[in-house]
N, C-alpha and C. Protein backbone atom coordinates (compact mmCIF):
# COMPACT_ATOMS: atom_id res chain seq x y z
N UNK A 1 3.03 -27.83 2.29
CA UNK A 1 3.56 -26.63 1.60
C UNK A 1 4.04 -26.87 0.14
N UNK A 2 4.55 -28.22 -0.24
CA UNK A 2 4.80 -28.66 -1.40
C UNK A 2 3.72 -28.51 -2.61
N UNK A 3 2.88 -28.77 -1.91
CA UNK A 3 1.39 -28.64 -2.98
C UNK A 3 1.26 -27.12 -3.30
N UNK A 4 1.15 -26.21 -2.32
CA UNK A 4 0.93 -24.92 -2.43
C UNK A 4 1.93 -24.16 -3.41
N UNK A 5 3.23 -24.61 -3.08
CA UNK A 5 4.29 -24.21 -4.10
C UNK A 5 4.18 -24.61 -5.53
N UNK A 6 3.59 -25.77 -5.49
CA UNK A 6 3.40 -26.20 -7.23
C UNK A 6 2.24 -25.38 -7.67
N UNK A 7 1.45 -25.16 -6.90
CA UNK A 7 0.04 -24.34 -7.38
C UNK A 7 0.51 -22.94 -7.63
N UNK A 8 1.41 -22.52 -6.79
CA UNK A 8 1.86 -21.11 -7.17
C UNK A 8 2.68 -21.16 -8.50
N UNK A 9 3.60 -21.95 -8.68
CA UNK A 9 4.41 -22.05 -9.96
C UNK A 9 3.39 -22.17 -11.11
N UNK A 10 2.35 -23.05 -10.89
CA UNK A 10 1.35 -23.06 -12.21
C UNK A 10 0.53 -21.91 -12.41
N UNK A 11 0.22 -21.13 -11.31
CA UNK A 11 -0.45 -19.90 -11.51
C UNK A 11 0.72 -18.79 -11.96
N UNK A 12 1.81 -19.10 -11.74
CA UNK A 12 2.78 -18.15 -12.42
C UNK A 12 3.07 -18.33 -13.85
N UNK A 13 2.92 -19.37 -14.33
CA UNK A 13 3.03 -19.86 -15.51
C UNK A 13 1.89 -19.23 -16.39
N UNK A 14 0.75 -19.28 -15.85
CA UNK A 14 -0.39 -18.46 -16.52
C UNK A 14 -0.65 -17.02 -16.46
N UNK A 15 0.28 -16.60 -15.32
CA UNK A 15 0.23 -14.88 -15.26
C UNK A 15 1.50 -14.51 -16.27
N UNK A 16 2.53 -15.26 -16.38
CA UNK A 16 3.55 -14.99 -17.31
C UNK A 16 3.05 -15.14 -18.75
N UNK A 17 2.20 -15.79 -19.08
CA UNK A 17 1.62 -15.98 -20.49
C UNK A 17 0.59 -14.81 -20.66
N UNK A 18 -0.24 -14.61 -19.67
CA UNK A 18 -1.32 -13.34 -19.53
C UNK A 18 -0.37 -12.13 -20.00
N UNK A 19 0.81 -11.74 -19.30
CA UNK A 19 1.22 -10.48 -19.46
C UNK A 19 2.05 -10.23 -20.97
N UNK A 20 2.39 -11.36 -21.34
CA UNK A 20 3.01 -11.59 -22.83
C UNK A 20 1.78 -11.36 -23.78
N UNK A 21 0.57 -11.60 -23.52
CA UNK A 21 -0.44 -11.41 -24.21
C UNK A 21 -1.05 -10.03 -24.41
N UNK A 22 -1.31 -9.51 -23.26
CA UNK A 22 -1.74 -8.34 -23.05
C UNK A 22 -0.59 -7.57 -22.09
N UNK A 23 0.38 -6.64 -22.47
CA UNK A 23 1.35 -6.09 -21.69
C UNK A 23 0.64 -4.90 -20.61
N UNK A 24 -0.48 -4.53 -20.93
CA UNK A 24 -1.01 -3.54 -20.16
C UNK A 24 -2.12 -3.91 -19.31
N UNK A 25 -2.25 -5.26 -19.11
CA UNK A 25 -3.39 -5.49 -18.18
C UNK A 25 -3.02 -5.73 -16.63
N UNK A 26 -3.64 -4.62 -15.97
CA UNK A 26 -3.02 -4.60 -14.55
C UNK A 26 -3.27 -5.87 -13.59
N UNK A 27 -4.33 -6.49 -13.82
CA UNK A 27 -4.45 -7.81 -13.15
C UNK A 27 -3.55 -9.07 -13.34
N UNK A 28 -2.99 -9.08 -14.37
CA UNK A 28 -1.84 -9.90 -14.96
C UNK A 28 -0.74 -9.82 -14.27
N UNK A 29 -0.30 -8.35 -14.45
CA UNK A 29 1.09 -7.90 -13.78
C UNK A 29 0.95 -8.19 -12.43
N UNK A 30 0.00 -7.48 -11.60
CA UNK A 30 -0.23 -7.44 -10.20
C UNK A 30 -0.20 -8.81 -9.87
N UNK A 31 -1.10 -9.84 -10.28
CA UNK A 31 -1.12 -11.42 -9.85
C UNK A 31 0.16 -12.03 -9.92
N UNK A 32 0.90 -11.78 -11.29
CA UNK A 32 2.24 -12.31 -11.37
C UNK A 32 3.13 -11.88 -10.41
N UNK A 33 3.02 -10.44 -9.94
CA UNK A 33 4.00 -9.86 -8.93
C UNK A 33 3.74 -10.71 -7.33
N UNK A 34 2.28 -10.80 -7.35
CA UNK A 34 1.82 -11.42 -6.13
C UNK A 34 2.07 -12.82 -5.83
N UNK A 35 2.40 -13.43 -6.93
CA UNK A 35 2.48 -14.91 -7.07
C UNK A 35 4.23 -15.08 -6.82
N UNK A 36 4.82 -14.49 -7.52
CA UNK A 36 6.31 -14.31 -7.19
C UNK A 36 6.58 -13.85 -5.69
N UNK A 37 5.98 -12.77 -5.00
CA UNK A 37 6.24 -12.61 -3.96
C UNK A 37 6.00 -13.60 -2.85
N UNK A 38 4.98 -14.38 -2.91
CA UNK A 38 4.60 -15.61 -2.13
C UNK A 38 5.52 -16.79 -2.59
N UNK A 39 6.05 -16.96 -3.40
CA UNK A 39 7.10 -17.87 -3.95
C UNK A 39 8.36 -17.38 -3.26
N UNK A 40 8.56 -16.35 -3.42
CA UNK A 40 9.93 -15.71 -2.85
C UNK A 40 10.00 -15.82 -1.28
N UNK A 41 8.84 -15.43 -0.65
CA UNK A 41 8.81 -15.69 0.69
C UNK A 41 8.99 -17.13 1.30
N UNK A 42 8.12 -18.05 0.41
CA UNK A 42 7.86 -19.46 1.10
C UNK A 42 9.40 -20.21 0.52
N UNK A 43 10.11 -19.76 -0.39
CA UNK A 43 11.28 -20.33 -0.80
C UNK A 43 12.40 -19.80 -0.25
N UNK A 44 12.45 -18.55 0.22
CA UNK A 44 13.42 -17.65 0.51
C UNK A 44 14.31 -17.60 -0.61
N UNK A 45 13.67 -17.18 -1.90
CA UNK A 45 14.28 -16.88 -3.10
C UNK A 45 14.26 -15.39 -3.24
N UNK A 46 15.23 -14.87 -3.21
CA UNK A 46 15.52 -13.49 -3.22
C UNK A 46 15.33 -12.92 -4.73
N UNK A 47 15.64 -13.92 -5.81
CA UNK A 47 15.58 -13.53 -7.20
C UNK A 47 13.77 -13.54 -7.40
N UNK A 48 12.90 -14.28 -6.81
CA UNK A 48 11.61 -14.26 -7.13
C UNK A 48 11.09 -12.91 -6.55
N UNK A 49 11.61 -12.46 -5.24
CA UNK A 49 11.19 -11.29 -4.69
C UNK A 49 11.58 -10.12 -5.59
N UNK A 50 12.77 -10.31 -6.08
CA UNK A 50 13.02 -8.94 -7.30
C UNK A 50 12.11 -8.91 -8.37
N UNK A 51 11.75 -10.40 -8.70
CA UNK A 51 10.93 -10.11 -9.98
C UNK A 51 9.67 -9.70 -9.70
N UNK A 52 9.24 -9.89 -8.43
CA UNK A 52 7.76 -9.38 -8.05
C UNK A 52 7.87 -8.00 -7.92
N UNK A 53 8.84 -7.16 -7.35
CA UNK A 53 8.96 -6.03 -7.39
C UNK A 53 9.06 -5.31 -9.05
N UNK A 54 9.58 -6.02 -9.87
CA UNK A 54 9.46 -5.52 -11.28
C UNK A 54 7.90 -5.67 -11.84
N UNK A 55 7.22 -6.51 -11.40
CA UNK A 55 5.76 -6.62 -11.94
C UNK A 55 5.07 -5.57 -11.14
N UNK A 56 5.20 -5.48 -9.93
CA UNK A 56 4.59 -4.50 -9.17
C UNK A 56 5.02 -2.97 -9.93
N UNK A 57 6.16 -2.68 -10.13
CA UNK A 57 6.70 -1.34 -10.72
C UNK A 57 6.00 -1.13 -12.14
N UNK A 58 6.02 -2.52 -12.73
CA UNK A 58 5.13 -2.14 -14.10
C UNK A 58 3.58 -1.80 -13.92
N UNK A 59 3.05 -2.41 -12.77
CA UNK A 59 1.85 -1.62 -12.51
C UNK A 59 1.68 -0.16 -12.50
N UNK A 60 2.71 0.22 -11.07
CA UNK A 60 2.63 1.63 -10.65
C UNK A 60 3.25 2.52 -11.52
N UNK A 61 4.27 2.10 -12.49
CA UNK A 61 4.86 2.97 -13.44
C UNK A 61 4.21 3.23 -14.92
N UNK A 62 3.33 1.96 -15.08
CA UNK A 62 2.82 2.14 -16.52
C UNK A 62 1.40 1.95 -16.63
N UNK A 63 0.85 1.38 -15.39
CA UNK A 63 -0.51 1.31 -15.58
C UNK A 63 -1.47 2.32 -14.70
N UNK A 64 -1.21 2.23 -13.27
CA UNK A 64 -1.67 2.95 -12.34
C UNK A 64 -1.03 3.47 -11.29
N UNK A 65 -0.29 4.50 -11.19
CA UNK A 65 0.62 4.83 -10.24
C UNK A 65 -0.10 5.11 -8.77
N UNK A 66 -1.16 4.88 -8.71
CA UNK A 66 -2.09 5.03 -7.43
C UNK A 66 -2.29 3.56 -7.11
N UNK A 67 -1.98 2.52 -7.67
CA UNK A 67 -2.50 1.09 -7.16
C UNK A 67 -1.86 0.86 -5.93
N UNK A 68 -3.02 0.99 -4.98
CA UNK A 68 -2.65 0.94 -3.24
C UNK A 68 -2.12 -0.68 -3.08
N UNK A 69 -2.65 -1.58 -3.84
CA UNK A 69 -2.24 -3.14 -3.72
C UNK A 69 -0.89 -3.34 -4.03
N UNK A 70 -0.48 -2.78 -5.34
CA UNK A 70 0.91 -3.05 -5.84
C UNK A 70 1.67 -2.56 -5.06
N UNK A 71 1.49 -1.22 -4.65
CA UNK A 71 2.63 -0.48 -3.46
C UNK A 71 2.61 -1.36 -2.13
N UNK A 72 1.67 -1.85 -1.51
CA UNK A 72 1.38 -2.46 -0.27
C UNK A 72 2.45 -3.84 -0.71
N UNK A 73 2.19 -4.57 -1.73
CA UNK A 73 2.85 -5.97 -1.92
C UNK A 73 4.45 -5.48 -2.49
N UNK A 74 4.49 -4.73 -2.86
CA UNK A 74 5.98 -4.06 -3.27
C UNK A 74 6.88 -3.68 -1.98
N UNK A 75 6.16 -3.38 -0.84
CA UNK A 75 6.61 -3.12 0.34
C UNK A 75 7.14 -4.37 1.04
N UNK A 76 6.17 -5.41 1.05
CA UNK A 76 6.39 -6.95 1.36
C UNK A 76 7.67 -7.49 0.50
N UNK A 77 7.69 -7.21 -0.72
CA UNK A 77 8.86 -7.76 -1.46
C UNK A 77 10.10 -7.12 -1.15
N UNK A 78 10.22 -5.86 -0.93
CA UNK A 78 11.42 -5.07 -0.35
C UNK A 78 11.76 -5.64 0.96
N UNK A 79 11.02 -5.94 1.93
CA UNK A 79 11.01 -6.15 3.16
C UNK A 79 11.83 -7.50 3.17
N UNK A 80 11.12 -8.64 2.24
CA UNK A 80 11.98 -9.73 2.01
C UNK A 80 13.15 -9.84 1.45
N UNK A 81 13.51 -8.70 1.08
CA UNK A 81 14.92 -8.58 0.54
C UNK A 81 15.62 -8.17 1.47
N UNK A 82 15.46 -7.40 2.55
CA UNK A 82 16.04 -6.67 3.49
C UNK A 82 16.11 -5.40 3.22
N UNK A 83 15.41 -4.68 2.69
CA UNK A 83 15.84 -3.37 2.09
C UNK A 83 14.49 -2.45 2.82
N UNK A 84 14.70 -2.38 4.30
CA UNK A 84 13.70 -1.46 4.92
C UNK A 84 13.27 -0.28 4.34
N UNK A 85 14.54 0.61 3.86
CA UNK A 85 14.29 2.18 3.38
C UNK A 85 13.16 2.02 2.18
N UNK A 86 13.37 0.96 1.23
CA UNK A 86 12.34 0.96 0.07
C UNK A 86 11.08 0.43 0.61
N UNK A 87 11.27 -0.59 1.66
CA UNK A 87 9.92 -1.21 2.04
C UNK A 87 9.21 -0.10 2.68
N UNK A 88 9.66 0.86 3.55
CA UNK A 88 9.06 1.82 4.31
C UNK A 88 8.36 2.81 3.17
N UNK A 89 9.09 3.18 2.12
CA UNK A 89 8.87 3.99 1.31
C UNK A 89 7.16 3.40 0.28
N UNK A 90 7.41 2.02 0.04
CA UNK A 90 6.28 1.48 -0.41
C UNK A 90 5.03 1.43 0.41
N UNK A 91 5.32 0.83 1.52
CA UNK A 91 4.20 0.87 2.56
C UNK A 91 3.52 2.34 2.82
N UNK A 92 4.63 3.14 2.88
CA UNK A 92 4.00 4.71 3.20
C UNK A 92 3.04 4.98 2.05
N UNK A 93 3.53 4.98 0.92
CA UNK A 93 2.81 5.15 -0.49
C UNK A 93 1.42 4.64 -0.24
N UNK A 94 1.42 3.20 0.05
CA UNK A 94 0.14 2.63 0.35
C UNK A 94 -0.56 3.18 1.37
N UNK A 95 -0.11 3.61 2.24
CA UNK A 95 -1.12 4.30 3.38
C UNK A 95 -1.50 5.99 3.11
N UNK A 96 -0.68 6.38 2.01
CA UNK A 96 -1.22 7.57 1.50
C UNK A 96 -2.26 7.55 0.42
N UNK A 97 -2.42 6.46 -0.33
CA UNK A 97 -3.23 6.21 -1.34
C UNK A 97 -4.71 5.70 -0.63
N UNK A 98 -4.48 4.53 0.41
CA UNK A 98 -5.53 4.14 0.99
C UNK A 98 -5.47 4.46 2.59
N UNK A 99 -5.73 5.54 2.88
CA UNK A 99 -5.54 5.99 4.52
C UNK A 99 -6.09 5.26 5.52
N UNK A 100 -7.22 4.62 5.21
CA UNK A 100 -7.92 3.97 6.23
C UNK A 100 -7.94 2.46 5.99
N UNK A 101 -6.79 2.24 5.53
CA UNK A 101 -6.28 0.67 5.46
C UNK A 101 -5.47 0.19 6.54
N UNK A 102 -6.06 -0.43 7.66
CA UNK A 102 -5.25 -0.82 9.02
C UNK A 102 -4.32 -1.67 8.77
N UNK A 103 -4.38 -2.79 7.61
CA UNK A 103 -3.23 -3.55 7.40
C UNK A 103 -1.88 -2.76 6.68
N UNK A 104 -2.00 -1.89 6.06
CA UNK A 104 -1.25 -1.02 5.50
C UNK A 104 -0.22 -0.24 6.74
N UNK A 105 -1.30 0.24 7.49
CA UNK A 105 -0.42 1.04 8.68
C UNK A 105 0.12 0.10 9.69
N UNK A 106 -0.47 -1.18 9.84
CA UNK A 106 0.08 -2.01 10.82
C UNK A 106 1.37 -2.71 10.24
N UNK A 107 1.48 -2.88 8.84
CA UNK A 107 2.77 -3.61 8.26
C UNK A 107 3.59 -2.57 8.28
N UNK A 108 3.50 -1.45 8.07
CA UNK A 108 4.61 -0.16 8.06
C UNK A 108 5.13 -0.14 9.42
N UNK A 109 4.13 -0.23 10.45
CA UNK A 109 4.68 -0.18 11.81
C UNK A 109 5.49 -1.12 12.13
N UNK A 110 5.12 -2.59 11.77
CA UNK A 110 5.93 -3.67 12.30
C UNK A 110 7.18 -3.58 11.42
N UNK A 111 7.43 -2.98 10.17
CA UNK A 111 8.46 -3.12 9.21
C UNK A 111 9.46 -1.96 10.05
N UNK A 112 8.94 -0.88 10.60
CA UNK A 112 9.67 0.07 11.17
C UNK A 112 10.18 -0.29 12.62
N UNK A 113 9.36 -1.00 13.16
CA UNK A 113 9.80 -1.63 14.38
C UNK A 113 11.20 -2.56 14.45
N UNK A 114 11.01 -3.43 13.36
CA UNK A 114 12.11 -4.58 13.05
C UNK A 114 13.45 -3.60 12.59
N UNK A 115 13.18 -2.29 11.76
CA UNK A 115 14.24 -1.83 11.49
C UNK A 115 14.78 -1.00 12.63
N UNK A 116 14.00 -0.44 13.36
CA UNK A 116 14.57 0.17 14.74
C UNK A 116 15.41 -0.58 15.41
N UNK A 117 15.09 -1.96 15.57
CA UNK A 117 15.77 -2.88 16.21
C UNK A 117 16.96 -3.38 15.76
N UNK A 118 16.85 -3.52 14.27
CA UNK A 118 18.54 -3.63 13.81
C UNK A 118 19.29 -2.54 13.88
N UNK A 119 18.77 -1.19 13.92
CA UNK A 119 19.72 -0.07 13.93
C UNK A 119 20.16 -0.01 15.58
N UNK A 120 19.41 -0.45 16.46
CA UNK A 120 19.59 -0.48 17.81
C UNK A 120 20.57 -1.32 18.12
N UNK A 121 20.76 -2.77 17.33
CA UNK A 121 21.99 -3.41 17.43
C UNK A 121 23.18 -2.98 16.97
N UNK A 122 22.93 -1.89 16.13
CA UNK A 122 24.25 -1.37 15.48
C UNK A 122 24.75 -0.13 16.29
N UNK A 123 24.17 0.06 17.37
CA UNK A 123 24.33 1.42 18.28
C UNK A 123 23.74 2.52 17.56
N UNK A 124 22.95 2.47 16.47
CA UNK A 124 22.50 3.84 16.17
C UNK A 124 21.16 4.37 16.60
N UNK A 125 21.15 4.23 18.27
CA UNK A 125 20.23 4.61 18.95
C UNK A 125 19.27 5.81 18.26
N UNK A 126 19.87 6.93 18.25
CA UNK A 126 19.00 8.12 17.84
C UNK A 126 17.97 7.72 16.51
N UNK A 127 18.73 7.07 15.56
CA UNK A 127 17.78 6.78 14.51
C UNK A 127 16.87 5.59 14.80
N UNK A 128 17.40 4.77 15.63
CA UNK A 128 16.39 3.70 15.96
C UNK A 128 15.01 4.08 16.81
N UNK A 129 15.52 5.20 17.76
CA UNK A 129 14.26 5.84 18.34
C UNK A 129 13.30 6.58 17.67
N UNK A 130 13.80 7.26 16.41
CA UNK A 130 12.80 7.86 15.37
C UNK A 130 12.02 6.70 14.84
N UNK A 131 12.59 5.59 14.51
CA UNK A 131 11.81 4.46 13.85
C UNK A 131 10.74 3.88 14.86
N UNK A 132 11.12 3.79 16.22
CA UNK A 132 10.33 3.22 17.08
C UNK A 132 9.07 4.12 17.19
N UNK A 133 9.42 5.50 17.41
CA UNK A 133 8.37 6.40 17.54
C UNK A 133 7.42 6.55 16.23
N UNK A 134 7.85 6.34 15.04
CA UNK A 134 7.15 6.14 13.79
C UNK A 134 6.38 4.94 13.98
N UNK A 135 6.91 3.83 14.48
CA UNK A 135 5.94 2.90 14.59
C UNK A 135 4.74 2.90 15.64
N UNK A 136 5.06 3.60 16.55
CA UNK A 136 4.14 3.81 17.53
C UNK A 136 3.00 4.74 16.83
N UNK A 137 3.31 5.79 16.07
CA UNK A 137 2.37 6.49 15.29
C UNK A 137 1.64 5.58 14.31
N UNK A 138 2.20 4.61 13.66
CA UNK A 138 1.52 3.82 12.85
C UNK A 138 0.61 3.04 13.49
N UNK A 139 0.83 2.35 14.64
CA UNK A 139 0.06 1.54 15.57
C UNK A 139 -1.16 2.26 16.12
N UNK A 140 -0.92 3.66 16.45
CA UNK A 140 -1.90 4.48 16.77
C UNK A 140 -2.99 4.88 15.71
N UNK A 141 -2.67 4.79 14.58
CA UNK A 141 -3.28 5.02 13.49
C UNK A 141 -4.31 3.72 13.23
N UNK A 142 -3.64 2.62 13.27
CA UNK A 142 -4.17 1.39 13.27
C UNK A 142 -5.25 1.21 14.11
N UNK A 143 -5.21 1.53 15.46
CA UNK A 143 -6.12 1.43 16.44
C UNK A 143 -7.25 2.51 16.12
N UNK A 144 -7.03 3.66 15.57
CA UNK A 144 -8.14 4.84 15.25
C UNK A 144 -8.92 4.19 14.04
N UNK A 145 -8.31 3.38 13.29
CA UNK A 145 -9.07 2.64 12.14
C UNK A 145 -10.04 1.66 12.85
N UNK A 146 -9.39 0.67 13.35
CA UNK A 146 -9.87 -0.59 14.02
C UNK A 146 -9.44 -0.77 15.32
N UNK A 147 -10.18 -0.21 16.36
CA UNK A 147 -10.13 -0.41 17.62
C UNK A 147 -9.95 -1.82 18.40
N UNK A 148 -10.34 -2.68 17.37
CA UNK A 148 -10.38 -3.94 18.14
C UNK A 148 -9.16 -4.81 17.45
N UNK A 149 -8.08 -4.10 16.51
CA UNK A 149 -7.08 -4.89 16.16
C UNK A 149 -5.88 -5.38 17.03
N UNK A 150 -6.02 -6.32 17.55
CA UNK A 150 -5.44 -6.57 18.88
C UNK A 150 -3.93 -6.69 18.65
N UNK A 151 -3.50 -7.10 17.53
CA UNK A 151 -1.98 -7.01 17.33
C UNK A 151 -1.42 -5.68 17.21
N UNK A 152 -2.18 -4.76 17.09
CA UNK A 152 -1.71 -3.48 17.16
C UNK A 152 -1.28 -2.84 18.51
N UNK A 153 -2.03 -3.30 19.37
CA UNK A 153 -1.78 -2.77 20.90
C UNK A 153 -0.59 -3.51 21.31
N UNK A 154 -0.46 -4.96 21.06
CA UNK A 154 0.63 -5.76 21.33
C UNK A 154 2.00 -4.80 20.83
N UNK A 155 1.99 -4.65 19.49
CA UNK A 155 3.13 -4.05 18.81
C UNK A 155 3.48 -2.55 19.37
N UNK A 156 2.33 -1.93 19.45
CA UNK A 156 2.52 -0.44 20.13
C UNK A 156 3.15 -0.39 21.33
N UNK A 157 2.74 -1.17 22.33
CA UNK A 157 3.50 -1.72 23.41
C UNK A 157 4.90 -2.04 23.63
N UNK A 158 5.11 -2.74 22.50
CA UNK A 158 6.52 -3.28 22.26
C UNK A 158 7.49 -2.02 21.89
N UNK A 159 6.97 -1.27 20.86
CA UNK A 159 7.68 -0.22 20.57
C UNK A 159 7.84 0.99 21.63
N UNK A 160 6.78 1.07 22.35
CA UNK A 160 6.64 1.99 23.78
C UNK A 160 8.01 1.44 24.44
N UNK A 161 7.77 0.18 24.77
CA UNK A 161 9.02 -0.25 25.59
C UNK A 161 10.13 0.06 25.29
N UNK A 162 10.48 -0.30 24.01
CA UNK A 162 11.82 0.06 23.36
C UNK A 162 12.21 1.56 23.54
N UNK A 163 11.39 2.44 23.40
CA UNK A 163 11.69 3.77 23.86
C UNK A 163 11.67 4.16 25.36
N UNK A 164 11.58 3.18 26.15
CA UNK A 164 11.64 3.32 27.51
C UNK A 164 10.36 4.01 28.28
N UNK A 165 9.34 3.95 27.55
CA UNK A 165 8.00 4.61 28.07
C UNK A 165 7.31 3.22 28.62
N UNK A 166 7.62 2.72 29.86
CA UNK A 166 7.16 1.65 30.46
C UNK A 166 5.69 1.92 30.82
N UNK A 167 5.18 3.05 31.28
CA UNK A 167 3.86 3.50 31.84
C UNK A 167 3.00 3.44 30.54
N UNK A 168 3.26 4.07 29.67
CA UNK A 168 2.48 4.17 28.32
C UNK A 168 2.22 2.73 27.80
N UNK A 169 3.37 1.95 27.88
CA UNK A 169 3.23 0.48 27.21
C UNK A 169 2.32 -0.26 28.06
N UNK A 170 2.38 -0.22 29.38
CA UNK A 170 1.41 -0.85 30.17
C UNK A 170 -0.04 -0.47 29.95
N UNK A 171 -0.19 1.07 29.83
CA UNK A 171 -1.55 1.36 29.53
C UNK A 171 -2.14 0.87 28.25
N UNK A 172 -1.06 0.73 27.34
CA UNK A 172 -1.45 0.18 26.31
C UNK A 172 -2.11 -1.40 26.05
N UNK A 173 -1.35 -2.11 27.24
CA UNK A 173 -1.65 -3.27 27.37
C UNK A 173 -2.93 -3.46 28.15
N UNK A 174 -3.27 -2.49 29.21
CA UNK A 174 -4.52 -2.51 29.51
C UNK A 174 -5.57 -2.27 28.87
N UNK A 175 -5.45 -1.47 27.66
CA UNK A 175 -6.38 -1.26 26.68
C UNK A 175 -6.72 -2.61 26.06
N UNK A 176 -5.82 -3.18 25.70
CA UNK A 176 -5.73 -4.56 24.86
C UNK A 176 -6.66 -5.43 25.82
N UNK A 177 -6.29 -5.42 27.14
CA UNK A 177 -7.06 -6.44 27.99
C UNK A 177 -8.59 -6.21 28.16
N UNK A 178 -8.74 -4.83 28.01
CA UNK A 178 -10.36 -4.27 28.04
C UNK A 178 -11.08 -4.60 26.86
N UNK A 179 -10.43 -5.03 25.80
CA UNK A 179 -11.20 -5.22 24.65
C UNK A 179 -12.02 -6.71 24.76
N UNK A 180 -13.17 -6.67 24.13
CA UNK A 180 -13.84 -8.12 24.21
C UNK A 180 -13.10 -9.09 23.63
N UNK A 181 -13.27 -10.47 24.20
CA UNK A 181 -12.66 -11.27 23.92
C UNK A 181 -12.87 -11.78 22.45
N UNK A 182 -12.06 -12.27 21.70
CA UNK A 182 -12.01 -12.89 20.25
C UNK A 182 -12.96 -14.06 20.11
N UNK A 183 -13.66 -14.21 19.15
CA UNK A 183 -14.60 -15.27 19.15
C UNK A 183 -14.07 -16.66 18.77
C-alpha cells in the first residue's frame, strides 16, 4: 500500500500543477479530486477528503454542473467524512445525470442502508425505515439495469430484513441463487 500512496502523492503534485496552469481544465480538477479522495480514504485523512470535495465542486460549479463522475466521487468523499446527507445528495445528483449507471444507484443504496442503521441505533426508527426503503428502491433500480449485479441482491435482501420483510428478503436471495455462476 505504501507504494500506491507514493504514486498517488506523485500524481497529486502533477494535478496540482496542472490546475495552476489551466484553472478551467475539467480533467485536471477532476483527477486532482479523485486522487485526493483515494488518499483520504487510504490514509483516513479527513482534510484530503475535504480538499477532494473542493476540487469536485470546482468541476460542478465552474466547469460542468452535470458532470456525473464529479458528483459520484463527491458522494464518496462526503461519505468518508461521515456526512450521509450530503453524500446522498451527491449520489442522487449522479443518478439524475446518468440514470442507467448501476454503480451510482448501488452506492446510493449502500450509503442509505448504512445511514439507516446509524439512525436505528439512535432509536430514530421511522426515519431509519424511510432510508431502508429508499435503499431497497435503489437496489431494485440496480437490478433493473443489470440483473446480474449480485451484490445488489444481497444488499436489497439485507435492507428488506431490516424492514422486517423476511419473505421478500428470502425471495430476493432465491433470485440471487438462480443467477448463473460467476466465471
